[in-house]
Protein backbone atom coordinates (compact mmCIF):
# COMPACT_ATOMS: atom_id res chain seq x y z
CA MET A 1 0.00 -0.07 0.04
CA ASN A 2 1.17 3.48 -0.69
CA GLU A 3 0.67 6.19 2.02
CA THR A 4 -0.13 8.73 -0.70
CA HIS A 5 -3.46 6.87 -1.16
CA SER A 6 -4.82 7.98 2.35
CA THR A 7 -7.83 10.39 2.93
CA ASN A 8 -9.48 11.96 5.91
CA VAL A 9 -12.58 10.18 6.73
CA GLU A 10 -15.46 11.40 9.05
CA ILE A 11 -18.42 9.25 10.00
CA LYS A 12 -20.96 10.93 12.27
CA ILE A 13 -24.42 9.99 13.48
CA TYR A 14 -27.14 12.57 13.78
CA ASN A 15 -30.79 12.40 15.13
CA MET A 16 -33.61 13.52 12.92
CA GLN A 17 -33.33 16.91 14.60
CA GLY A 18 -29.86 17.35 13.24
CA GLU A 19 -28.06 16.93 16.50
CA LEU A 20 -24.81 15.21 16.52
CA VAL A 21 -25.26 11.89 18.47
CA ASP A 22 -21.94 10.23 17.93
CA VAL A 23 -18.53 10.63 16.07
CA VAL A 24 -18.01 7.13 14.89
CA LEU A 25 -14.71 7.72 13.19
CA GLU A 26 -12.62 10.87 12.42
CA GLU A 27 -9.26 10.07 11.16
CA ASN A 28 -6.89 9.60 8.20
CA LYS A 29 -7.34 6.28 6.64
CA LEU A 30 -5.85 4.19 3.83
CA LYS A 31 -8.15 3.94 0.71
CA VAL A 32 -9.13 0.30 1.34
CA ASN A 33 -12.26 -1.43 2.15
CA HIS A 34 -13.31 -1.14 5.75
CA PHE A 35 -16.22 -2.48 7.71
CA LEU A 36 -17.70 -0.47 10.38
CA TYR A 37 -20.23 -1.58 13.14
CA PHE A 38 -22.26 0.80 15.07
CA ASN A 39 -23.12 -0.23 18.63
CA GLU A 40 -26.78 1.00 19.17
CA ASP A 41 -26.93 -0.24 22.69
CA ASN A 42 -26.66 3.31 24.02
CA SER A 43 -29.10 4.72 21.36
CA LYS A 44 -32.79 5.11 21.71
CA MET A 45 -35.19 3.46 19.25
CA GLY A 46 -35.70 5.73 16.35
CA THR A 47 -34.45 7.08 12.86
CA TYR A 48 -30.90 8.33 12.53
CA LEU A 49 -28.66 9.70 9.82
CA CYS A 50 -25.13 8.41 9.19
CA SER A 51 -22.84 10.92 7.56
CA PHE A 52 -19.91 9.71 5.58
CA LYS A 53 -17.44 12.30 4.47
CA THR A 54 -14.04 12.15 2.71
CA GLU A 55 -12.08 14.57 0.61
CA THR A 56 -13.99 13.70 -2.49
CA LEU A 57 -17.21 12.27 -1.21
CA LYS A 58 -20.03 13.19 1.09
CA GLU A 59 -22.96 10.78 1.62
CA THR A 60 -25.79 10.47 4.09
CA LYS A 61 -27.92 7.44 4.86
CA ARG A 62 -30.78 7.02 7.06
CA PHE A 63 -30.97 3.94 9.35
CA VAL A 64 -33.48 2.90 12.02
CA VAL A 65 -32.77 1.38 15.51
CA MET A 66 -35.24 -1.15 16.74
CA ARG A 67 -35.40 -3.30 19.75
């Protein structure tokens, strides 16, 4: 792997009111596939937004926590 292929990565969780709930990841990562698991044990049931941001990409996905 070449260190020049790294990028800043931010993964943040927001509630539907737009309030930040959790910063899952905020660091420089190599551009390889990674798996990420969100531990919802401390989260209330409901709908959340997951914001994924790099230097070249910004994507937000909705997900639901159910018990």
